[in-house]
Amino acid sequence: MNKLSQNPRLAGPLAAAGSVLLIVSGLLSWSFEPIFGDISIRFWPVTLQVYAMVIGVLALVLALIVVGPLRRWEEYIDAARGLRTIGITGVAFSIGSLAAITHEAGGLINANEGVWVALVGSALITVGGYLRPETKVLDPVSVVLPAWLEIVIIALVLGAGLYVAQYALKRPEPWVLVLLVGTLVGITLTLTRSNLAAWLGGVTMRHRRVFTLATFVVALAFPFTQGGSEANLTIAGNVLIFAATALGLNIVVGLAGLLDLGYIAFLGAGAYVGASMSYSAFATIGWKPPFLVVMIIGGLVSSVLGLIIGSPTLRVSGDYLAIVTLAFGEIFRLAMFNLDGTSGPMITRGSNGINAIPDLNFFGFNFGQTHTILGIEIPRAGNYYFVLIALIVFVIVVFTHLNNSRIGRGWVAIREDERAAEAMGVNVFGLKLLAFAGGASLAGMAGTVKAHMDQAVSPDSYIFLESAFLLAAVVLGGMGTVGGVLIGAAILKFLPEKLRFLDDYRLLMFGLVLVIMMRVRPEGLIASKRRQLEFHDDDEDLAETVVIDELEAAK
């Protein structure tokens, strides 16, 4: 490969040829059997064929930056890293497609020419990427297109996101879903490693209000694309609850750098507050305030628990803090079992939990009924989806403002070097305590909604494995980011729901994904600019400068 790397002129033609092969493969037959939406038909691409064409189009764009009409972007876009990533994605996708066809059609003999052409094309793209040496590129944020064109790009990106979300929920084939998610992860890594994501980030920053409004509109439009499917909207609601909780954990782990392995307890505390103050016949508290008040109380109760666990334990750090928080999560779960009126006061009804929680009712709007809006039926889960959208917007606003504030800079300084931060006058213990309480309050508010959406609360729902998945969502998506955590939460909550037949292998696959991510991209799918410097040795001086700036700003 070292000898080949001395011939960078071959990189562009090889990558371009491979990209064309991938695009053409989508027009060919992939199997003798009519599976996965009938991929046996030529010139009528569906599912796997379409995925191959999308990979090929992205690879072709990068190849044209190396050799072609887009060369003026070469100084801003790292085409070499992008081609390597999308090439490896294509190879993995092609091999996965062969495995899927072999499994579903009864043998590798049933694989037609299209999948083999895709494999060859992906290999050529990968080789082309490695023939091209990596170069340092300029910040692409400075590349400005006409305002109308950038707004159109924002609309297209968000529209594509909405389409992919509704498409993924409607696909019943497990293999198609697995390959779709793998393709999306590969595309995301390609955009970030090639610097295209940085340029898109600059576009959204220049049109922040348009992007925010468009994102909100897309999120609100999602229930109208599901054809009244209660199951799909229930999955979407669970993803939002999981994402809101993960963003709260992101304050603790991503900003302050505190490893919390018992965070699910704060979600459970909020859920029990919402259940015990509901109109359920099994509710244990007679006071029935409005739900908005219940949400605030749930957040306060969880934040108090955060203070209780934080005050005596935040003097420790690292592995010791992880052990303590793990123990706290188990203590919470066991306490919920014992508050049954026998071993302790009647608050949680022990292992029976609190059941038959009635649906919310805002000003006569019953969340348990199906409503028709704009001629489209919105079922029960869709009603809760809108409440959760409002909650996730609130959580994102809180997280963003904290991240950009003096407090957020103090957390980052503590994460980078606690002793240096303390020496510079940062109130380390106070900020740690605030991180625990603030993150816990957001999880508690999400828990109150979860209680009404699930209509039941029991201690078995808040086990250590849930805390592990929350932490994995933060690490996988990108610690310290909003978009990354939302993507990580969506992947880790969506896939287990749609791939229940793989329950026995879920933890194995989960571990493999994390190992691969830690090896390939330890900063996560979407890296925080602050954290990304930690993983690149050639930026040590810049990283040191950033840490000093954070310390000065946090004082």
Protein backbone atom coordinates (compact mmCIF):
# COMPACT_ATOMS: atom_id res chain seq x y z
CA MET A 1 0.00 0.00 0.00
CA ASN A 2 2.93 2.36 0.58
CA LYS A 3 4.03 1.87 -3.03
CA LEU A 4 0.52 2.40 -4.29
CA SER A 5 0.22 5.57 -2.25
CA GLN A 6 3.02 7.03 -4.39
CA ASN A 7 0.61 7.07 -7.36
CA PRO A 8 -2.18 9.43 -6.23
CA ARG A 9 -3.19 10.10 -9.83
CA LEU A 10 -4.87 6.69 -9.91
CA ALA A 11 -7.04 7.51 -6.89
CA GLY A 12 -9.61 9.66 -8.65
CA PRO A 13 -10.20 7.43 -11.71
CA LEU A 14 -10.40 4.27 -9.59
CA ALA A 15 -12.81 5.83 -7.11
CA ALA A 16 -14.93 7.29 -9.90
CA ALA A 17 -15.06 3.93 -11.69
CA GLY A 18 -16.04 2.17 -8.48
CA SER A 19 -18.74 4.75 -7.80
CA VAL A 20 -20.24 4.27 -11.26
CA LEU A 21 -20.22 0.49 -10.74
CA LEU A 22 -22.09 0.91 -7.45
CA ILE A 23 -24.70 3.11 -9.09
CA VAL A 24 -25.07 0.70 -11.99
CA SER A 25 -25.34 -2.27 -9.59
CA GLY A 26 -28.59 -0.80 -8.29
CA LEU A 27 -30.09 -1.25 -11.77
CA LEU A 28 -29.10 -4.91 -11.95
CA SER A 29 -30.67 -7.99 -10.37
CA TRP A 30 -29.39 -8.93 -6.91
CA SER A 31 -31.10 -12.27 -6.38
CA PHE A 32 -32.92 -15.02 -8.23
CA GLU A 33 -35.57 -14.97 -5.50
CA PRO A 34 -38.11 -12.11 -5.14
CA ILE A 35 -37.01 -11.03 -1.65
CA PHE A 36 -36.58 -7.68 0.14
CA GLY A 37 -39.15 -5.95 -2.07
CA ASP A 38 -38.18 -8.11 -5.07
CA ILE A 39 -34.55 -7.24 -5.75
CA SER A 40 -34.59 -9.76 -8.61
CA ILE A 41 -36.01 -7.20 -11.07
CA ARG A 42 -33.61 -5.18 -13.22
CA PHE A 43 -34.00 -1.43 -13.79
CA TRP A 44 -36.48 -1.15 -10.92
CA PRO A 45 -34.32 -0.55 -7.81
CA VAL A 46 -35.77 -1.20 -4.37
CA THR A 47 -34.34 -1.57 -0.83
CA LEU A 48 -30.79 -2.95 -1.09
CA GLN A 49 -30.38 -1.75 -4.66
CA VAL A 50 -31.34 1.79 -3.67
CA TYR A 51 -28.92 1.72 -0.71
CA ALA A 52 -26.08 0.74 -3.06
CA MET A 53 -26.95 3.61 -5.40
CA VAL A 54 -26.97 6.12 -2.54
CA ILE A 55 -23.52 4.93 -1.41
CA GLY A 56 -22.34 5.19 -5.01
CA VAL A 57 -23.63 8.75 -5.44
CA LEU A 58 -21.84 9.96 -2.30
CA ALA A 59 -18.64 8.20 -3.37
CA LEU A 60 -18.92 9.79 -6.83
CA VAL A 61 -19.18 13.27 -5.31
CA LEU A 62 -15.98 12.66 -3.35
CA ALA A 63 -14.27 11.19 -6.42
CA LEU A 64 -15.17 14.28 -8.46
CA ILE A 65 -13.49 16.39 -5.78
CA VAL A 66 -10.29 14.42 -6.42
CA VAL A 67 -10.55 14.51 -10.20
CA GLY A 68 -13.35 16.38 -11.90
CA PRO A 69 -15.39 19.57 -11.85
CA LEU A 70 -15.50 19.78 -8.04
CA ARG A 71 -11.74 20.09 -7.53
CA ARG A 72 -12.08 23.61 -6.15
CA TRP A 73 -13.46 21.96 -3.00
CA GLU A 74 -10.30 19.89 -2.58
CA GLU A 75 -8.68 22.32 -0.16
CA TYR A 76 -11.73 22.16 2.13
CA ILE A 77 -12.86 18.52 1.84
CA ASP A 78 -10.66 15.58 2.90
CA ALA A 79 -11.67 13.37 0.00
CA ALA A 80 -9.12 10.66 0.86
CA ARG A 81 -10.59 9.90 4.28
CA GLY A 82 -14.10 10.20 2.90
CA LEU A 83 -13.43 7.72 0.08
CA ARG A 84 -11.85 5.25 2.49
CA THR A 85 -14.83 5.42 4.81
CA ILE A 86 -17.53 5.18 2.15
CA GLY A 87 -15.54 2.43 0.39
CA ILE A 88 -15.34 0.33 3.53
CA THR A 89 -19.04 1.04 4.11
CA GLY A 90 -19.79 -0.26 0.61
CA VAL A 91 -17.70 -3.39 1.11
CA ALA A 92 -19.38 -4.14 4.45
CA PHE A 93 -22.79 -3.46 2.93
CA SER A 94 -22.10 -5.77 -0.04
CA ILE A 95 -20.90 -8.59 2.22
CA GLY A 96 -23.93 -8.07 4.47
CA SER A 97 -26.19 -8.20 1.41
CA LEU A 98 -24.60 -11.49 0.34
CA ALA A 99 -25.20 -12.88 3.82
CA ALA A 100 -28.83 -11.70 3.74
CA ILE A 101 -29.47 -13.23 0.32
CA THR A 102 -27.76 -16.47 1.37
CA HIS A 103 -29.89 -16.71 4.50
CA GLU A 104 -33.24 -15.75 2.98
CA ALA A 105 -32.90 -17.39 -0.46
CA GLY A 106 -31.27 -20.61 0.71
CA GLY A 107 -27.72 -20.31 -0.57
CA LEU A 108 -25.07 -18.05 -2.05
CA ILE A 109 -25.90 -19.45 -5.50
CA ASN A 110 -29.01 -17.27 -5.44
CA ALA A 111 -26.95 -14.05 -5.46
CA ASN A 112 -27.16 -12.40 -8.88
CA GLU A 113 -24.70 -10.13 -10.69
CA GLY A 114 -25.78 -6.87 -9.04
CA VAL A 115 -24.40 -7.61 -5.57
CA TRP A 116 -21.08 -8.79 -7.02
CA VAL A 117 -20.75 -5.63 -9.10
CA ALA A 118 -21.47 -3.61 -5.93
CA LEU A 119 -18.70 -5.49 -4.09
CA VAL A 120 -16.17 -4.85 -6.87
CA GLY A 121 -17.17 -1.18 -7.07
CA SER A 122 -16.82 -0.74 -3.31
CA ALA A 123 -13.40 -2.37 -3.37
CA LEU A 124 -12.25 0.03 -6.12
CA ILE A 125 -13.47 3.01 -4.09
CA THR A 126 -11.59 1.76 -1.03
CA VAL A 127 -8.37 1.27 -2.99
CA GLY A 128 -8.78 4.70 -4.55
CA GLY A 129 -9.16 6.22 -1.10
CA TYR A 130 -5.96 4.61 0.12
CA LEU A 131 -4.09 5.66 -3.02
CA ARG A 132 -4.89 9.25 -2.18
CA PRO A 133 -2.70 10.60 0.66
CA GLU A 134 -4.43 12.46 3.48
CA THR A 135 -3.87 16.20 3.54
CA LYS A 136 -4.70 18.91 6.00
CA VAL A 137 -7.67 20.89 4.76
CA LEU A 138 -9.04 24.34 5.53
CA ASP A 139 -12.16 24.93 7.56
CA PRO A 140 -15.05 24.53 5.07
CA VAL A 141 -17.33 26.82 7.11
CA SER A 142 -15.87 29.73 5.15
CA VAL A 143 -17.30 28.31 1.89
CA VAL A 144 -20.54 30.26 1.37
CA LEU A 145 -23.10 29.48 -1.32
CA PRO A 146 -26.03 31.74 -2.28
CA ALA A 147 -28.44 32.01 0.65
CA TRP A 148 -31.36 30.53 -1.28
CA LEU A 149 -29.29 27.51 -2.26
CA GLU A 150 -28.15 26.88 1.32
CA ILE A 151 -31.77 27.06 2.51
CA VAL A 152 -32.76 24.56 -0.18
CA ILE A 153 -29.94 22.24 1.01
CA ILE A 154 -31.25 22.48 4.60
CA ALA A 155 -34.76 21.61 3.39
CA LEU A 156 -33.48 18.66 1.37
CA VAL A 157 -31.43 17.27 4.26
CA LEU A 158 -34.30 17.52 6.74
CA GLY A 159 -36.77 16.16 4.19
CA ALA A 160 -34.46 13.19 3.60
CA GLY A 161 -34.26 12.64 7.35
CA LEU A 162 -38.05 12.61 7.66
CA TYR A 163 -38.39 10.20 4.75
CA VAL A 164 -35.76 7.81 6.13
CA ALA A 165 -37.38 7.83 9.59
CA GLN A 166 -40.85 6.96 8.31
CA TYR A 167 -39.41 4.47 5.82
CA ALA A 168 -37.41 2.64 8.50
CA LEU A 169 -40.42 2.28 10.79
CA LYS A 170 -42.53 0.82 8.01
CA ARG A 171 -40.01 -1.78 6.85
CA PRO A 172 -40.89 -5.24 8.23
CA GLU A 173 -37.78 -7.10 6.96
CA PRO A 174 -35.08 -7.37 9.67
CA TRP A 175 -32.22 -7.72 7.16
CA VAL A 176 -33.33 -4.60 5.31
CA LEU A 177 -33.39 -2.63 8.56
CA VAL A 178 -29.96 -3.82 9.68
CA LEU A 179 -28.39 -2.96 6.32
CA LEU A 180 -30.21 0.39 6.24
CA VAL A 181 -28.89 1.39 9.65
CA GLY A 182 -25.39 0.22 8.73
CA THR A 183 -25.55 2.29 5.54
CA LEU A 184 -26.73 5.38 7.44
CA VAL A 185 -23.95 5.01 10.01
CA GLY A 186 -21.39 4.66 7.21
CA ILE A 187 -22.74 7.75 5.45
CA THR A 188 -22.65 9.73 8.71
CA LEU A 189 -19.03 8.71 9.34
CA THR A 190 -18.15 9.61 5.75
CA LEU A 191 -19.64 13.08 6.11
CA THR A 192 -17.80 13.72 9.36
CA ARG A 193 -14.43 12.28 8.30
CA SER A 194 -14.44 14.07 4.95
CA ASN A 195 -15.32 17.44 6.51
CA LEU A 196 -18.62 17.67 4.63
CA ALA A 197 -20.46 17.56 7.96
CA ALA A 198 -18.47 20.58 9.12
CA TRP A 199 -19.61 22.48 6.03
CA LEU A 200 -23.23 21.46 6.64
CA GLY A 201 -22.81 22.63 10.22
CA GLY A 202 -21.66 26.01 8.94
CA VAL A 203 -24.70 26.21 6.67
CA THR A 204 -27.06 25.53 9.57
CA MET A 205 -25.28 28.10 11.75
CA ARG A 206 -25.62 30.78 9.06
CA HIS A 207 -29.34 30.04 8.82
CA ARG A 208 -29.96 29.01 12.41
CA ARG A 209 -33.52 30.30 12.60
CA VAL A 210 -34.50 28.64 9.33
CA PHE A 211 -32.89 25.37 10.42
CA THR A 212 -34.56 25.45 13.85
CA LEU A 213 -37.97 26.20 12.37
CA ALA A 214 -37.59 23.58 9.64
CA THR A 215 -36.48 20.93 12.16
CA PHE A 216 -39.48 21.69 14.35
CA VAL A 217 -41.84 21.46 11.37
CA VAL A 218 -40.33 18.13 10.28
CA ALA A 219 -40.64 16.72 13.81
CA LEU A 220 -44.29 17.78 14.00
CA ALA A 221 -44.98 16.34 10.55
CA PHE A 222 -43.67 12.89 11.44
CA PRO A 223 -46.91 11.46 12.96
CA PHE A 224 -48.77 12.38 9.77
CA THR A 225 -46.51 10.05 7.75
CA GLN A 226 -47.32 6.89 9.72
CA GLY A 227 -50.84 6.27 8.51
CA GLY A 228 -52.23 6.10 12.05
CA SER A 229 -49.89 3.28 13.12
CA GLU A 230 -50.03 2.98 16.91
CA ALA A 231 -47.02 0.64 16.98
CA ASN A 232 -44.74 2.93 14.99
CA LEU A 233 -45.66 6.04 16.97
CA THR A 234 -45.17 4.13 20.23
CA ILE A 235 -41.63 3.31 19.12
CA ALA A 236 -41.10 6.97 18.19
CA GLY A 237 -42.36 8.09 21.60
CA ASN A 238 -40.04 5.66 23.40
CA VAL A 239 -37.13 6.98 21.32
CA LEU A 240 -37.94 10.56 22.39
CA ILE A 241 -38.15 9.59 26.07
CA PHE A 242 -34.84 7.75 25.76
CA ALA A 243 -33.29 10.72 23.93
CA ALA A 244 -34.44 13.26 26.53
CA THR A 245 -33.00 11.10 29.30
CA ALA A 246 -29.74 10.59 27.38
CA LEU A 247 -29.38 14.36 26.93
CA GLY A 248 -29.67 14.75 30.69
CA LEU A 249 -26.94 12.13 31.11
CA ASN A 250 -24.91 14.01 28.50
CA ILE A 251 -24.59 16.88 30.97
CA VAL A 252 -23.05 14.55 33.54
CA VAL A 253 -20.88 12.45 31.22
CA GLY A 254 -20.37 14.54 28.11
CA LEU A 255 -19.79 17.95 29.70
CA ALA A 256 -18.63 17.31 33.25
CA GLY A 257 -16.86 14.02 32.52
CA LEU A 258 -18.49 12.12 35.43
CA LEU A 259 -19.16 8.43 34.80
CA ASP A 260 -22.69 7.61 36.00
CA LEU A 261 -23.82 3.97 35.77
CA GLY A 262 -27.07 4.35 37.70
CA TYR A 263 -28.73 7.17 35.78
CA ILE A 264 -31.88 5.20 35.02
CA ALA A 265 -32.88 5.70 38.67
CA PHE A 266 -33.64 9.38 37.99
CA LEU A 267 -35.98 8.45 35.14
CA GLY A 268 -37.65 5.96 37.48
CA ALA A 269 -38.04 8.55 40.23
CA GLY A 270 -39.88 10.85 37.84
CA ALA A 271 -42.04 7.99 36.61
CA TYR A 272 -43.07 7.07 40.17
CA VAL A 273 -43.91 10.71 40.92
CA GLY A 274 -46.12 10.86 37.84
CA ALA A 275 -47.79 7.54 38.69
CA SER A 276 -48.37 8.21 42.38
CA MET A 277 -49.98 11.61 41.64
CA SER A 278 -52.10 10.31 38.77
CA TYR A 279 -55.79 9.46 38.85
CA SER A 280 -55.06 5.74 38.92
CA ALA A 281 -57.05 3.71 41.40
CA PHE A 282 -53.70 2.42 42.70
CA ALA A 283 -52.09 5.86 43.12
CA THR A 284 -50.67 6.32 46.62
CA ILE A 285 -50.75 10.12 46.90
CA GLY A 286 -54.07 11.89 47.28
CA TRP A 287 -52.95 15.24 45.85
CA LYS A 288 -53.72 15.49 42.12
CA PRO A 289 -52.16 18.67 40.76
CA PRO A 290 -52.16 19.57 37.03
CA PHE A 291 -49.74 17.52 34.96
CA LEU A 292 -47.39 20.43 34.30
CA VAL A 293 -46.99 20.78 38.07
CA VAL A 294 -46.41 17.02 38.30
CA MET A 295 -43.62 17.33 35.72
CA ILE A 296 -41.93 20.05 37.76
CA ILE A 297 -42.28 18.00 40.95
CA GLY A 298 -40.84 14.95 39.17
CA GLY A 299 -37.85 17.01 38.04
CA LEU A 300 -37.33 18.39 41.55
CA VAL A 301 -37.55 14.96 43.20
CA SER A 302 -35.00 13.54 40.77
CA SER A 303 -32.69 16.53 41.27
CA VAL A 304 -32.89 16.03 45.05
CA LEU A 305 -31.89 12.41 44.53
CA GLY A 306 -29.01 13.69 42.41
CA LEU A 307 -27.91 15.92 45.27
CA ILE A 308 -28.24 13.06 47.75
CA ILE A 309 -26.05 10.74 45.72
CA GLY A 310 -23.72 13.53 44.66
CA SER A 311 -22.92 15.21 47.95
CA PRO A 312 -21.12 12.33 49.68
CA THR A 313 -19.67 10.69 46.58
CA LEU A 314 -18.36 13.40 44.27
CA ARG A 315 -15.15 13.60 46.26
CA VAL A 316 -14.24 10.41 44.41
CA SER A 317 -13.77 10.10 40.67
CA GLY A 318 -13.17 7.63 37.85
CA ASP A 319 -13.80 3.96 38.62
CA TYR A 320 -14.81 4.67 42.21
CA LEU A 321 -17.52 7.10 41.13
CA ALA A 322 -18.77 4.55 38.58
CA ILE A 323 -19.05 1.89 41.32
CA VAL A 324 -20.93 4.25 43.64
CA THR A 325 -23.43 5.34 40.99
CA LEU A 326 -23.94 1.71 39.95
CA ALA A 327 -24.75 0.89 43.56
CA PHE A 328 -27.14 3.85 43.74
CA GLY A 329 -29.08 2.56 40.74
CA GLU A 330 -29.51 -0.84 42.41
CA ILE A 331 -30.42 0.77 45.74
CA PHE A 332 -33.17 2.75 44.02
CA ARG A 333 -34.60 -0.36 42.34
CA LEU A 334 -34.58 -2.38 45.57
CA ALA A 335 -36.08 0.55 47.51
CA MET A 336 -38.99 0.63 45.06
CA PHE A 337 -39.62 -3.04 45.86
CA ASN A 338 -39.64 -2.36 49.60
CA LEU A 339 -41.92 0.69 49.68
CA ASP A 340 -44.93 -1.61 49.61
CA GLY A 341 -46.63 -0.92 52.93
CA THR A 342 -45.02 -3.95 54.58
CA SER A 343 -41.27 -3.48 54.47
CA GLY A 344 -41.72 0.29 54.35
CA PRO A 345 -44.35 2.99 53.76
CA MET A 346 -46.94 2.45 51.02
CA ILE A 347 -45.60 4.58 48.18
CA THR A 348 -44.72 2.35 45.24
CA ARG A 349 -46.81 -0.79 45.96
CA GLY A 350 -43.66 -2.89 45.73
CA SER A 351 -43.34 -5.43 42.95
CA ASN A 352 -46.97 -4.82 41.91
CA GLY A 353 -46.14 -1.29 40.83
CA ILE A 354 -48.76 1.32 40.02
CA ASN A 355 -51.03 0.20 37.18
CA ALA A 356 -54.03 1.48 35.25
CA ILE A 357 -52.65 5.00 34.98
CA PRO A 358 -55.25 6.98 33.02
CA ASP A 359 -54.35 9.01 29.96
CA LEU A 360 -53.67 12.70 30.21
CA ASN A 361 -56.44 15.20 29.59
CA PHE A 362 -55.49 18.78 28.70
CA PHE A 363 -58.43 21.18 28.60
CA GLY A 364 -60.78 18.46 27.36
CA PHE A 365 -58.25 16.94 24.92
CA ASN A 366 -58.14 13.25 25.83
CA PHE A 367 -54.77 11.73 24.96
CA GLY A 368 -56.24 8.23 25.00
CA GLN A 369 -58.52 8.83 22.04
CA THR A 370 -57.79 8.90 18.32
CA HIS A 371 -58.11 12.37 16.86
CA THR A 372 -58.38 13.43 13.23
CA ILE A 373 -56.10 16.32 12.27
CA LEU A 374 -56.00 17.59 8.68
CA GLY A 375 -57.88 14.49 7.61
CA ILE A 376 -55.27 12.13 9.12
CA GLU A 377 -55.93 9.97 12.17
CA ILE A 378 -53.53 10.50 15.08
CA PRO A 379 -53.75 7.58 17.55
CA ARG A 380 -53.02 7.61 21.27
CA ALA A 381 -49.23 7.31 20.89
CA GLY A 382 -49.27 10.20 18.42
CA ASN A 383 -50.86 12.46 21.03
CA TYR A 384 -48.06 11.71 23.47
CA TYR A 385 -45.54 12.19 20.67
CA PHE A 386 -46.43 15.89 20.48
CA VAL A 387 -45.97 16.30 24.25
CA LEU A 388 -42.60 14.59 24.00
CA ILE A 389 -41.57 16.89 21.14
CA ALA A 390 -42.26 19.87 23.40
CA LEU A 391 -40.24 18.19 26.17
CA ILE A 392 -37.27 17.39 23.90
CA VAL A 393 -37.24 20.99 22.64
CA PHE A 394 -37.11 22.20 26.25
CA VAL A 395 -34.31 19.75 27.09
CA ILE A 396 -32.29 20.79 24.03
CA VAL A 397 -32.68 24.49 24.88
CA VAL A 398 -31.55 23.87 28.46
CA PHE A 399 -28.59 21.74 27.37
CA THR A 400 -27.48 24.19 24.68
CA HIS A 401 -27.63 27.21 26.95
CA LEU A 402 -25.76 25.40 29.71
CA ASN A 403 -23.14 24.17 27.25
CA ASN A 404 -22.47 27.66 25.95
CA SER A 405 -22.57 29.34 29.35
CA ARG A 406 -19.90 29.98 31.93
CA ILE A 407 -21.18 26.94 33.82
CA GLY A 408 -20.72 24.75 30.75
CA ARG A 409 -17.16 25.96 30.29
CA GLY A 410 -16.52 25.16 33.91
CA TRP A 411 -17.78 21.60 33.38
CA VAL A 412 -15.54 21.19 30.34
CA ALA A 413 -12.54 22.49 32.30
CA ILE A 414 -13.26 19.94 35.05
CA ARG A 415 -13.56 17.17 32.48
CA GLU A 416 -10.25 18.05 30.85
CA ASP A 417 -8.20 18.53 34.04
CA GLU A 418 -9.92 18.67 37.40
CA ARG A 419 -6.84 19.71 39.37
CA ALA A 420 -5.96 22.46 36.93
CA ALA A 421 -9.54 23.73 37.05
CA GLU A 422 -9.50 23.82 40.85
CA ALA A 423 -6.15 25.60 40.84
CA MET A 424 -7.60 28.25 38.53
CA GLY A 425 -10.43 28.97 40.97
CA VAL A 426 -13.22 26.87 39.45
CA ASN A 427 -15.72 25.63 42.06
CA VAL A 428 -15.20 21.97 41.17
CA PHE A 429 -17.44 20.38 43.81
CA GLY A 430 -20.29 22.85 43.26
CA LEU A 431 -20.28 22.42 39.50
CA LYS A 432 -20.15 18.63 39.81
CA LEU A 433 -23.15 18.74 42.12
CA LEU A 434 -24.99 21.03 39.71
CA ALA A 435 -24.28 18.62 36.84
CA PHE A 436 -25.78 15.72 38.78
CA ALA A 437 -28.84 17.70 39.89
CA GLY A 438 -29.45 19.35 36.51
CA GLY A 439 -29.12 16.15 34.51
CA ALA A 440 -31.30 14.25 36.97
CA SER A 441 -34.07 16.86 36.78
CA LEU A 442 -34.35 16.48 33.00
CA ALA A 443 -34.60 12.70 33.36
CA GLY A 444 -37.25 13.09 36.06
CA MET A 445 -39.44 15.25 33.82
CA ALA A 446 -39.17 12.66 31.04
CA GLY A 447 -40.16 9.97 33.57
CA THR A 448 -43.47 11.65 34.41
CA VAL A 449 -44.50 11.49 30.74
CA LYS A 450 -43.28 7.90 30.46
CA ALA A 451 -45.54 6.81 33.34
CA HIS A 452 -48.68 8.03 31.56
CA MET A 453 -47.57 6.76 28.15
CA ASP A 454 -46.82 3.25 29.51
CA GLN A 455 -49.85 3.37 31.86
CA ALA A 456 -47.87 1.41 34.44
CA VAL A 457 -44.71 1.70 36.54
CA SER A 458 -42.78 -1.16 38.12
CA PRO A 459 -39.25 -1.53 39.56
CA ASP A 460 -38.25 -4.10 36.91
CA SER A 461 -38.25 -1.39 34.26
CA TYR A 462 -35.25 0.41 35.80
CA ILE A 463 -32.41 -2.09 35.78
CA PHE A 464 -28.69 -1.54 35.24
CA LEU A 465 -28.88 -2.57 31.58
CA GLU A 466 -31.02 0.50 30.85
CA SER A 467 -28.35 2.74 32.38
CA ALA A 468 -25.74 1.01 30.24
CA PHE A 469 -27.77 1.68 27.09
CA LEU A 470 -28.19 5.34 28.04
CA LEU A 471 -24.45 5.69 28.50
CA ALA A 472 -23.85 3.88 25.20
CA ALA A 473 -26.18 6.31 23.39
CA VAL A 474 -24.09 9.23 24.64
CA VAL A 475 -20.77 7.59 23.74
CA LEU A 476 -21.93 6.23 20.39
CA GLY A 477 -23.55 9.48 19.27
CA GLY A 478 -20.87 11.85 20.53
CA MET A 479 -20.33 13.12 24.07
CA GLY A 480 -21.07 16.80 24.51
CA THR A 481 -23.26 17.08 21.40
CA VAL A 482 -27.02 17.31 20.88
CA GLY A 483 -27.38 15.82 17.40
CA GLY A 484 -25.03 12.95 18.16
CA VAL A 485 -26.89 11.89 21.29
CA LEU A 486 -30.22 12.08 19.47
CA ILE A 487 -28.85 9.79 16.73
CA GLY A 488 -27.30 7.40 19.26
CA ALA A 489 -30.53 7.22 21.25
CA ALA A 490 -32.56 6.62 18.09
CA ILE A 491 -30.30 3.75 16.97
CA LEU A 492 -30.14 2.02 20.35
CA LYS A 493 -33.86 2.31 21.03
CA PHE A 494 -35.17 1.74 17.52
CA LEU A 495 -33.20 -1.37 16.55
CA PRO A 496 -34.08 -3.51 19.62
CA GLU A 497 -37.76 -2.72 19.06
CA LYS A 498 -37.70 -3.73 15.39
CA LEU A 499 -35.31 -6.68 15.77
CA ARG A 500 -36.86 -8.56 18.66
CA PHE A 501 -36.00 -11.92 17.10
CA LEU A 502 -32.34 -11.12 17.86
CA ASP A 503 -32.91 -10.61 21.60
CA ASP A 504 -30.55 -13.49 22.44
CA TYR A 505 -27.73 -11.81 20.50
CA ARG A 506 -28.52 -8.19 21.34
CA LEU A 507 -25.80 -7.73 23.93
CA LEU A 508 -23.22 -9.43 21.71
CA MET A 509 -24.02 -7.11 18.80
CA PHE A 510 -24.16 -4.16 21.17
CA GLY A 511 -20.66 -4.91 22.48
CA LEU A 512 -19.23 -5.42 19.00
CA VAL A 513 -20.59 -2.07 17.83
CA LEU A 514 -19.04 -0.27 20.79
CA VAL A 515 -15.66 -1.98 20.30
CA ILE A 516 -15.65 -1.03 16.62
CA MET A 517 -16.65 2.55 17.40
CA MET A 518 -13.95 2.91 20.04
CA ARG A 519 -11.40 1.69 17.52
CA VAL A 520 -12.59 3.56 14.44
CA ARG A 521 -14.11 6.75 15.85
CA PRO A 522 -13.76 7.14 19.62
CA GLU A 523 -15.22 10.66 19.54
CA GLY A 524 -18.61 9.32 18.37
CA LEU A 525 -20.67 9.61 15.20
CA ILE A 526 -20.91 13.39 15.58
CA ALA A 527 -17.90 14.72 17.42
CA SER A 528 -17.87 17.78 19.62
CA LYS A 529 -15.20 20.21 18.43
CA ARG A 530 -13.92 20.43 21.99
CA ARG A 531 -13.62 16.66 22.41
CA GLN A 532 -12.41 15.92 18.90
CA LEU A 533 -9.06 17.53 19.71
CA GLU A 534 -8.44 14.89 22.38
CA PHE A 535 -8.23 12.14 19.77
CA HIS A 536 -5.74 13.71 17.36
CA ASP A 537 -2.08 13.79 18.31
CA ASP A 538 -1.22 16.45 15.70
CA ASP A 539 -3.51 18.92 17.47
CA GLU A 540 -1.91 18.73 20.92
CA ASP A 541 -0.89 22.40 20.99
CA LEU A 542 -4.33 23.47 19.86
CA ALA A 543 -5.98 21.18 22.43
CA GLU A 544 -3.82 22.68 25.19
CA THR A 545 -4.85 26.16 24.07
CA VAL A 546 -8.52 25.19 24.17
CA VAL A 547 -8.21 23.82 27.72
CA ILE A 548 -6.55 27.05 28.86
CA ASP A 549 -9.33 29.08 27.25
CA GLU A 550 -11.98 26.98 29.01
CA LEU A 551 -10.26 27.48 32.36
CA GLU A 552 -10.04 31.23 31.87
CA ALA A 553 -13.69 31.47 30.82
CA ALA A 554 -14.89 29.33 33.75
CA LYS A 555 -13.13 31.37 36.42
